[in-house]
Amino acid sequence: MRKFTCSIILTILVITLAACSSPEKMNLKSLQISVYDASSQSKDVTLTIKEKVITSKTDSITLILTNISDKQYIFGEKPILEVKSDGTWKVVPYLKTAAWDDIAYILPPGKNRELKLSIKNNYGRLSKGSYRAVKELSSKKGENTFSAAEFEVK
């Protein structure tokens, strides 16, 4: 009886772990369309991605924000990730367990700042395709803008 109970528990554990680690396929048609129009992107702050190769197994990427203006900007940790589907950017939904610190960082004029974006913890595993990371920015005068960086998941 004890072996039977242990094998049942072990089977349930293996099934649960397999389900947690398998990538979920996104239904791209049901995703919300992005509110970020590339033509209105900030000309003061650029966003680049440090990693040269990103695969479906990549856990996180490093975002580099560079302020090329004489204004100070503020940004937070809130991750925004979008996927391109039929030529349209759509918002990748967060996992139910996604979390980040609600903190503001200052980006002084002429400086840059690196920030990790956890793909695994916020979105799970990504399928192959075209993506972009978006960072919302605010100037000292309260002007809101954004910067985005595109990348491919191979």
N, C-alpha and C. Protein backbone atom coordinates (compact mmCIF):
# COMPACT_ATOMS: atom_id res chain seq x y z
N MET A 1 0.83 -1.20 0.00
CA MET A 1 0.00 0.00 0.00
C MET A 1 0.87 1.26 0.00
N ARG A 2 1.93 1.22 0.78
CA ARG A 2 2.82 2.37 0.88
C ARG A 2 3.49 2.64 -0.47
N LYS A 3 3.93 1.62 -1.19
CA LYS A 3 4.56 1.79 -2.50
C LYS A 3 3.56 2.36 -3.50
N PHE A 4 2.33 1.90 -3.42
CA PHE A 4 1.29 2.39 -4.32
C PHE A 4 1.04 3.88 -4.09
N THR A 5 0.93 4.29 -2.83
CA THR A 5 0.71 5.69 -2.49
C THR A 5 1.89 6.55 -2.95
N CYS A 6 3.10 6.07 -2.71
CA CYS A 6 4.29 6.81 -3.14
C CYS A 6 4.35 6.95 -4.66
N SER A 7 3.99 5.89 -5.36
CA SER A 7 4.03 5.97 -6.83
C SER A 7 2.95 6.91 -7.36
N ILE A 8 1.79 6.95 -6.73
CA ILE A 8 0.74 7.89 -7.13
C ILE A 8 1.22 9.33 -6.91
N ILE A 9 1.80 9.60 -5.76
CA ILE A 9 2.30 10.95 -5.46
C ILE A 9 3.41 11.33 -6.43
N LEU A 10 4.31 10.41 -6.70
CA LEU A 10 5.41 10.67 -7.64
C LEU A 10 4.88 10.95 -9.04
N THR A 11 3.88 10.20 -9.48
CA THR A 11 3.28 10.42 -10.80
C THR A 11 2.64 11.80 -10.88
N ILE A 12 1.90 12.18 -9.87
CA ILE A 12 1.26 13.50 -9.84
C ILE A 12 2.33 14.60 -9.87
N LEU A 13 3.41 14.40 -9.12
CA LEU A 13 4.49 15.38 -9.08
C LEU A 13 5.15 15.53 -10.45
N VAL A 14 5.42 14.43 -11.13
CA VAL A 14 6.04 14.47 -12.45
C VAL A 14 5.13 15.16 -13.45
N ILE A 15 3.85 14.86 -13.43
CA ILE A 15 2.90 15.51 -14.34
C ILE A 15 2.83 17.00 -14.08
N THR A 16 2.80 17.38 -12.81
CA THR A 16 2.74 18.81 -12.45
C THR A 16 3.99 19.54 -12.91
N LEU A 17 5.16 18.96 -12.68
CA LEU A 17 6.40 19.60 -13.10
C LEU A 17 6.49 19.70 -14.62
N ALA A 18 6.06 18.69 -15.31
CA ALA A 18 6.07 18.73 -16.78
C ALA A 18 5.15 19.82 -17.30
N ALA A 19 4.01 19.98 -16.67
CA ALA A 19 3.06 21.02 -17.10
C ALA A 19 3.62 22.41 -16.82
N CYS A 20 4.33 22.59 -15.70
CA CYS A 20 4.89 23.90 -15.36
C CYS A 20 6.03 24.28 -16.27
N SER A 21 6.79 23.32 -16.77
CA SER A 21 7.95 23.67 -17.56
C SER A 21 7.68 23.72 -19.06
N SER A 22 6.51 23.28 -19.49
CA SER A 22 6.24 23.30 -20.92
C SER A 22 5.77 24.67 -21.36
N PRO A 23 6.26 25.15 -22.51
CA PRO A 23 5.86 26.48 -22.96
C PRO A 23 4.40 26.49 -23.39
N GLU A 24 3.72 27.57 -23.03
CA GLU A 24 2.33 27.73 -23.45
C GLU A 24 2.33 28.39 -24.82
N LYS A 25 1.53 27.89 -25.71
CA LYS A 25 1.38 28.52 -27.03
C LYS A 25 0.42 29.69 -26.88
N MET A 26 0.84 30.85 -27.36
CA MET A 26 -0.03 32.01 -27.31
C MET A 26 -0.97 31.98 -28.50
N ASN A 27 -2.21 32.35 -28.24
CA ASN A 27 -3.16 32.54 -29.33
C ASN A 27 -2.99 33.99 -29.78
N LEU A 28 -2.17 34.21 -30.80
CA LEU A 28 -1.81 35.56 -31.23
C LEU A 28 -3.02 36.39 -31.65
N LYS A 29 -4.02 35.76 -32.19
CA LYS A 29 -5.20 36.50 -32.66
C LYS A 29 -5.99 37.11 -31.51
N SER A 30 -5.88 36.52 -30.32
CA SER A 30 -6.66 37.01 -29.18
C SER A 30 -5.91 38.05 -28.34
N LEU A 31 -4.65 38.33 -28.67
CA LEU A 31 -3.86 39.28 -27.88
C LEU A 31 -4.27 40.71 -28.15
N GLN A 32 -4.12 41.55 -27.15
CA GLN A 32 -4.42 42.97 -27.25
C GLN A 32 -3.40 43.67 -28.14
N ILE A 33 -3.87 44.58 -28.99
CA ILE A 33 -2.99 45.34 -29.86
C ILE A 33 -2.24 46.39 -29.05
N SER A 34 -0.96 46.59 -29.36
CA SER A 34 -0.11 47.54 -28.65
C SER A 34 -0.63 48.97 -28.78
N VAL A 35 -0.40 49.75 -27.73
CA VAL A 35 -0.74 51.18 -27.76
C VAL A 35 0.48 52.02 -28.14
N TYR A 36 1.64 51.37 -28.33
CA TYR A 36 2.88 52.08 -28.60
C TYR A 36 3.14 52.15 -30.10
N ASP A 37 3.02 53.34 -30.66
CA ASP A 37 3.25 53.57 -32.08
C ASP A 37 4.72 53.95 -32.26
N ALA A 38 5.44 53.18 -33.06
CA ALA A 38 6.88 53.38 -33.24
C ALA A 38 7.22 54.79 -33.70
N SER A 39 6.33 55.44 -34.43
CA SER A 39 6.62 56.80 -34.92
C SER A 39 6.62 57.84 -33.80
N SER A 40 6.05 57.51 -32.65
CA SER A 40 6.04 58.47 -31.54
C SER A 40 7.02 58.07 -30.43
N GLN A 41 7.93 57.19 -30.75
CA GLN A 41 8.95 56.74 -29.81
C GLN A 41 9.89 57.90 -29.44
N SER A 42 10.42 57.87 -28.23
CA SER A 42 11.33 58.90 -27.76
C SER A 42 12.56 59.03 -28.65
N LYS A 43 12.94 60.25 -28.92
CA LYS A 43 14.18 60.52 -29.64
C LYS A 43 15.30 60.87 -28.65
N ASP A 44 14.93 61.00 -27.38
CA ASP A 44 15.88 61.35 -26.33
C ASP A 44 16.53 60.14 -25.66
N VAL A 45 15.80 59.03 -25.60
CA VAL A 45 16.29 57.84 -24.90
C VAL A 45 16.20 56.64 -25.84
N THR A 46 17.33 55.96 -26.01
CA THR A 46 17.34 54.76 -26.84
C THR A 46 17.32 53.52 -25.95
N LEU A 47 16.76 52.46 -26.49
CA LEU A 47 16.71 51.19 -25.78
C LEU A 47 17.37 50.14 -26.66
N THR A 48 18.34 49.43 -26.11
CA THR A 48 18.99 48.34 -26.84
C THR A 48 19.00 47.10 -25.95
N ILE A 49 19.27 45.97 -26.58
CA ILE A 49 19.33 44.70 -25.85
C ILE A 49 20.76 44.18 -25.94
N LYS A 50 21.32 43.84 -24.80
CA LYS A 50 22.73 43.44 -24.71
C LYS A 50 22.99 42.08 -25.39
N GLU A 51 22.09 41.13 -25.20
CA GLU A 51 22.30 39.79 -25.73
C GLU A 51 22.18 39.78 -27.25
N LYS A 52 23.08 39.07 -27.90
CA LYS A 52 23.07 38.99 -29.36
C LYS A 52 22.20 37.84 -29.86
N VAL A 53 22.12 36.75 -29.09
CA VAL A 53 21.30 35.60 -29.46
C VAL A 53 20.30 35.33 -28.35
N ILE A 54 19.03 35.27 -28.72
CA ILE A 54 17.97 34.99 -27.77
C ILE A 54 17.18 33.80 -28.31
N THR A 55 17.02 32.79 -27.48
CA THR A 55 16.30 31.60 -27.88
C THR A 55 15.09 31.39 -26.97
N SER A 56 14.32 30.36 -27.26
CA SER A 56 13.16 30.06 -26.41
C SER A 56 13.60 29.60 -25.02
N LYS A 57 14.87 29.30 -24.84
CA LYS A 57 15.38 28.87 -23.53
C LYS A 57 16.00 30.03 -22.74
N THR A 58 16.06 31.22 -23.32
CA THR A 58 16.64 32.38 -22.63
C THR A 58 15.75 32.77 -21.46
N ASP A 59 16.34 32.87 -20.26
CA ASP A 59 15.58 33.21 -19.06
C ASP A 59 15.36 34.71 -18.89
N SER A 60 16.36 35.52 -19.28
CA SER A 60 16.23 36.96 -19.12
C SER A 60 17.10 37.66 -20.16
N ILE A 61 16.77 38.93 -20.39
CA ILE A 61 17.57 39.75 -21.29
C ILE A 61 17.94 41.03 -20.55
N THR A 62 19.00 41.66 -21.01
CA THR A 62 19.47 42.90 -20.40
C THR A 62 19.10 44.07 -21.30
N LEU A 63 18.31 44.97 -20.75
CA LEU A 63 17.93 46.18 -21.48
C LEU A 63 18.91 47.28 -21.12
N ILE A 64 19.32 48.06 -22.12
CA ILE A 64 20.21 49.20 -21.88
C ILE A 64 19.51 50.46 -22.36
N LEU A 65 19.17 51.31 -21.40
CA LEU A 65 18.57 52.61 -21.70
C LEU A 65 19.67 53.64 -21.75
N THR A 66 19.72 54.42 -22.83
CA THR A 66 20.74 55.46 -22.99
C THR A 66 20.06 56.79 -23.23
N ASN A 67 20.34 57.74 -22.36
CA ASN A 67 19.76 59.08 -22.46
C ASN A 67 20.71 59.95 -23.29
N ILE A 68 20.31 60.29 -24.50
CA ILE A 68 21.16 61.10 -25.39
C ILE A 68 20.72 62.56 -25.41
N SER A 69 19.94 62.94 -24.41
CA SER A 69 19.44 64.31 -24.36
C SER A 69 20.05 65.06 -23.18
N ASP A 70 19.60 66.29 -23.00
CA ASP A 70 20.01 67.07 -21.84
C ASP A 70 18.92 67.09 -20.77
N LYS A 71 17.90 66.22 -20.93
CA LYS A 71 16.80 66.11 -19.96
C LYS A 71 17.01 64.88 -19.08
N GLN A 72 16.46 64.94 -17.88
CA GLN A 72 16.46 63.79 -16.99
C GLN A 72 15.17 63.00 -17.20
N TYR A 73 15.26 61.67 -17.20
CA TYR A 73 14.08 60.81 -17.36
C TYR A 73 13.98 59.85 -16.19
N ILE A 74 12.76 59.37 -15.97
CA ILE A 74 12.48 58.41 -14.92
C ILE A 74 11.79 57.22 -15.57
N PHE A 75 12.14 56.01 -15.11
CA PHE A 75 11.49 54.80 -15.61
C PHE A 75 11.39 53.79 -14.48
N GLY A 76 10.55 52.78 -14.66
CA GLY A 76 10.35 51.76 -13.64
C GLY A 76 10.74 50.38 -14.12
N GLU A 77 10.50 49.39 -13.27
CA GLU A 77 10.83 48.01 -13.60
C GLU A 77 9.73 47.29 -14.37
N LYS A 78 8.55 47.87 -14.45
CA LYS A 78 7.44 47.18 -15.10
C LYS A 78 7.86 46.71 -16.49
N PRO A 79 7.81 45.38 -16.72
CA PRO A 79 8.20 44.87 -18.03
C PRO A 79 7.04 44.97 -19.02
N ILE A 80 7.35 45.33 -20.23
CA ILE A 80 6.36 45.33 -21.31
C ILE A 80 7.01 44.59 -22.48
N LEU A 81 6.37 43.53 -22.91
CA LEU A 81 6.88 42.73 -24.01
C LEU A 81 5.77 42.57 -25.04
N GLU A 82 6.15 42.72 -26.30
CA GLU A 82 5.18 42.61 -27.38
C GLU A 82 5.70 41.65 -28.44
N VAL A 83 4.77 41.03 -29.16
CA VAL A 83 5.11 40.09 -30.22
C VAL A 83 4.48 40.59 -31.51
N LYS A 84 5.19 40.41 -32.62
CA LYS A 84 4.67 40.86 -33.91
C LYS A 84 3.87 39.72 -34.54
N SER A 85 2.64 40.04 -34.91
CA SER A 85 1.75 39.06 -35.53
C SER A 85 1.06 39.73 -36.72
N ASP A 86 1.28 39.20 -37.90
CA ASP A 86 0.69 39.75 -39.13
C ASP A 86 0.99 41.25 -39.27
N GLY A 87 2.22 41.65 -38.94
CA GLY A 87 2.65 43.02 -39.10
C GLY A 87 2.19 43.97 -38.01
N THR A 88 1.52 43.45 -36.97
CA THR A 88 0.99 44.27 -35.88
C THR A 88 1.62 43.84 -34.56
N TRP A 89 2.03 44.82 -33.75
CA TRP A 89 2.56 44.52 -32.43
C TRP A 89 1.41 44.25 -31.47
N LYS A 90 1.54 43.15 -30.71
CA LYS A 90 0.52 42.75 -29.74
C LYS A 90 1.19 42.49 -28.40
N VAL A 91 0.45 42.77 -27.32
CA VAL A 91 0.98 42.67 -25.96
C VAL A 91 1.04 41.20 -25.52
N VAL A 92 2.22 40.79 -25.07
CA VAL A 92 2.39 39.44 -24.52
C VAL A 92 1.86 39.49 -23.07
N PRO A 93 0.91 38.63 -22.73
CA PRO A 93 0.34 38.68 -21.38
C PRO A 93 1.31 38.16 -20.32
N TYR A 94 1.20 38.71 -19.12
CA TYR A 94 2.02 38.28 -18.00
C TYR A 94 1.53 36.92 -17.49
N LEU A 95 2.43 36.16 -16.90
CA LEU A 95 2.04 34.97 -16.16
C LEU A 95 1.27 35.43 -14.92
N LYS A 96 0.45 34.58 -14.38
CA LYS A 96 -0.30 34.93 -13.16
C LYS A 96 0.64 35.17 -11.98
N THR A 97 1.83 34.60 -12.03
CA THR A 97 2.80 34.73 -10.94
C THR A 97 3.80 35.86 -11.16
N ALA A 98 3.66 36.62 -12.23
CA ALA A 98 4.61 37.70 -12.54
C ALA A 98 4.59 38.76 -11.45
N ALA A 99 5.78 39.29 -11.15
CA ALA A 99 5.89 40.35 -10.13
C ALA A 99 7.16 41.16 -10.40
N TRP A 100 7.13 42.42 -10.01
CA TRP A 100 8.30 43.28 -10.12
C TRP A 100 8.18 44.37 -9.07
N ASP A 101 9.30 45.00 -8.76
CA ASP A 101 9.30 46.08 -7.77
C ASP A 101 8.72 47.34 -8.38
N ASP A 102 7.91 48.03 -7.62
CA ASP A 102 7.32 49.30 -8.07
C ASP A 102 8.27 50.41 -7.60
N ILE A 103 9.29 50.62 -8.39
CA ILE A 103 10.35 51.55 -8.04
C ILE A 103 10.65 52.43 -9.26
N ALA A 104 11.12 53.64 -9.00
CA ALA A 104 11.48 54.55 -10.09
C ALA A 104 13.00 54.73 -10.12
N TYR A 105 13.54 54.66 -11.34
CA TYR A 105 14.97 54.89 -11.55
C TYR A 105 15.14 56.20 -12.29
N ILE A 106 16.20 56.91 -11.94
CA ILE A 106 16.52 58.17 -12.62
C ILE A 106 17.56 57.88 -13.70
N LEU A 107 17.32 58.44 -14.88
CA LEU A 107 18.25 58.32 -15.99
C LEU A 107 18.73 59.74 -16.33
N PRO A 108 19.89 60.14 -15.78
CA PRO A 108 20.39 61.50 -16.01
C PRO A 108 20.79 61.72 -17.47
N PRO A 109 20.89 62.98 -17.88
CA PRO A 109 21.33 63.29 -19.24
C PRO A 109 22.70 62.68 -19.53
N GLY A 110 22.84 62.11 -20.73
CA GLY A 110 24.12 61.58 -21.16
C GLY A 110 24.54 60.27 -20.51
N LYS A 111 23.68 59.65 -19.74
CA LYS A 111 24.03 58.41 -19.02
C LYS A 111 23.23 57.24 -19.57
N ASN A 112 23.68 56.03 -19.20
CA ASN A 112 22.90 54.85 -19.55
C ASN A 112 22.69 54.00 -18.30
N ARG A 113 21.74 53.08 -18.41
CA ARG A 113 21.41 52.22 -17.28
C ARG A 113 20.96 50.86 -17.80
N GLU A 114 21.46 49.80 -17.17
CA GLU A 114 21.07 48.44 -17.53
C GLU A 114 19.99 47.94 -16.58
N LEU A 115 19.09 47.14 -17.13
CA LEU A 115 17.98 46.60 -16.36
C LEU A 115 17.66 45.21 -16.90
N LYS A 116 17.53 44.24 -16.02
CA LYS A 116 17.19 42.87 -16.43
C LYS A 116 15.68 42.76 -16.64
N LEU A 117 15.31 42.09 -17.72
CA LEU A 117 13.91 41.77 -17.97
C LEU A 117 13.82 40.25 -17.90
N SER A 118 13.14 39.74 -16.88
CA SER A 118 13.01 38.30 -16.70
C SER A 118 11.89 37.77 -17.60
N ILE A 119 12.29 37.09 -18.65
CA ILE A 119 11.31 36.48 -19.55
C ILE A 119 10.64 35.31 -18.85
N LYS A 120 11.44 34.46 -18.27
CA LYS A 120 10.93 33.24 -17.64
C LYS A 120 9.91 33.54 -16.54
N ASN A 121 10.23 34.47 -15.65
CA ASN A 121 9.36 34.76 -14.51
C ASN A 121 8.12 35.57 -14.87
N ASN A 122 8.22 36.39 -15.90
CA ASN A 122 7.08 37.25 -16.27
C ASN A 122 6.21 36.71 -17.39
N TYR A 123 6.83 35.91 -18.29
CA TYR A 123 6.09 35.47 -19.49
C TYR A 123 6.18 33.97 -19.75
N GLY A 124 7.07 33.27 -19.09
CA GLY A 124 7.30 31.86 -19.40
C GLY A 124 8.26 31.75 -20.57
N ARG A 125 8.18 30.68 -21.29
CA ARG A 125 9.04 30.49 -22.46
C ARG A 125 8.40 31.12 -23.69
N LEU A 126 9.21 31.80 -24.48
CA LEU A 126 8.72 32.44 -25.69
C LEU A 126 8.88 31.53 -26.89
N SER A 127 7.91 31.60 -27.79
CA SER A 127 8.01 30.88 -29.06
C SER A 127 8.91 31.67 -30.00
N LYS A 128 9.37 31.04 -31.05
CA LYS A 128 10.16 31.73 -32.06
C LYS A 128 9.32 32.86 -32.65
N GLY A 129 9.98 33.98 -32.97
CA GLY A 129 9.28 35.09 -33.58
C GLY A 129 9.95 36.41 -33.31
N SER A 130 9.27 37.49 -33.73
CA SER A 130 9.75 38.86 -33.55
C SER A 130 9.09 39.47 -32.32
N TYR A 131 9.91 40.04 -31.46
CA TYR A 131 9.42 40.64 -30.21
C TYR A 131 10.02 42.04 -30.07
N ARG A 132 9.44 42.80 -29.15
CA ARG A 132 10.08 44.04 -28.74
C ARG A 132 9.81 44.28 -27.27
N ALA A 133 10.83 44.80 -26.61
CA ALA A 133 10.71 45.23 -25.22
C ALA A 133 10.41 46.72 -25.26
N VAL A 134 9.55 47.16 -24.36
CA VAL A 134 9.15 48.57 -24.30
C VAL A 134 9.38 49.08 -22.88
N LYS A 135 9.95 50.27 -22.77
CA LYS A 135 10.09 50.93 -21.47
C LYS A 135 9.38 52.26 -21.52
N GLU A 136 8.49 52.47 -20.56
CA GLU A 136 7.80 53.75 -20.43
C GLU A 136 8.73 54.71 -19.68
N LEU A 137 8.73 55.97 -20.11
CA LEU A 137 9.60 56.99 -19.54
C LEU A 137 8.80 58.24 -19.22
N SER A 138 9.25 58.96 -18.21
CA SER A 138 8.66 60.26 -17.88
C SER A 138 9.78 61.27 -17.70
N SER A 139 9.57 62.47 -18.22
CA SER A 139 10.56 63.53 -18.00
C SER A 139 10.25 64.23 -16.68
N LYS A 140 11.17 65.06 -16.26
CA LYS A 140 10.99 65.81 -15.02
C LYS A 140 9.77 66.72 -15.10
N LYS A 141 9.43 67.14 -16.32
CA LYS A 141 8.26 68.01 -16.54
C LYS A 141 6.96 67.22 -16.64
N GLY A 142 7.03 65.89 -16.47
CA GLY A 142 5.83 65.07 -16.52
C GLY A 142 5.42 64.62 -17.91
N GLU A 143 6.29 64.80 -18.88
CA GLU A 143 5.99 64.35 -20.24
C GLU A 143 6.23 62.84 -20.32
N ASN A 144 5.24 62.09 -20.80
CA ASN A 144 5.35 60.65 -20.91
C ASN A 144 5.72 60.24 -22.33
N THR A 145 6.63 59.28 -22.43
CA THR A 145 7.06 58.75 -23.72
C THR A 145 7.48 57.30 -23.52
N PHE A 146 8.06 56.70 -24.53
CA PHE A 146 8.53 55.33 -24.41
C PHE A 146 9.70 55.11 -25.37
N SER A 147 10.41 54.02 -25.12
CA SER A 147 11.45 53.59 -26.04
C SER A 147 11.30 52.08 -26.18
N ALA A 148 11.60 51.56 -27.37
CA ALA A 148 11.42 50.13 -27.64
C ALA A 148 12.64 49.57 -28.37
N ALA A 149 12.88 48.29 -28.17
CA ALA A 149 13.97 47.58 -28.86
C ALA A 149 13.43 46.25 -29.35
N GLU A 150 13.64 45.98 -30.64
CA GLU A 150 13.17 44.74 -31.23
C GLU A 150 14.24 43.66 -31.14
N PHE A 151 13.78 42.40 -31.08
CA PHE A 151 14.68 41.26 -31.09
C PHE A 151 13.96 40.03 -31.63
N GLU A 152 14.75 39.07 -32.04
CA GLU A 152 14.21 37.80 -32.57
C GLU A 152 14.46 36.68 -31.57
N VAL A 153 13.46 35.85 -31.37
CA VAL A 153 13.64 34.62 -30.61
C VAL A 153 13.83 33.52 -31.64
N LYS A 154 14.98 32.86 -31.55
CA LYS A 154 15.32 31.82 -32.54
C LYS A 154 15.13 30.44 -31.97
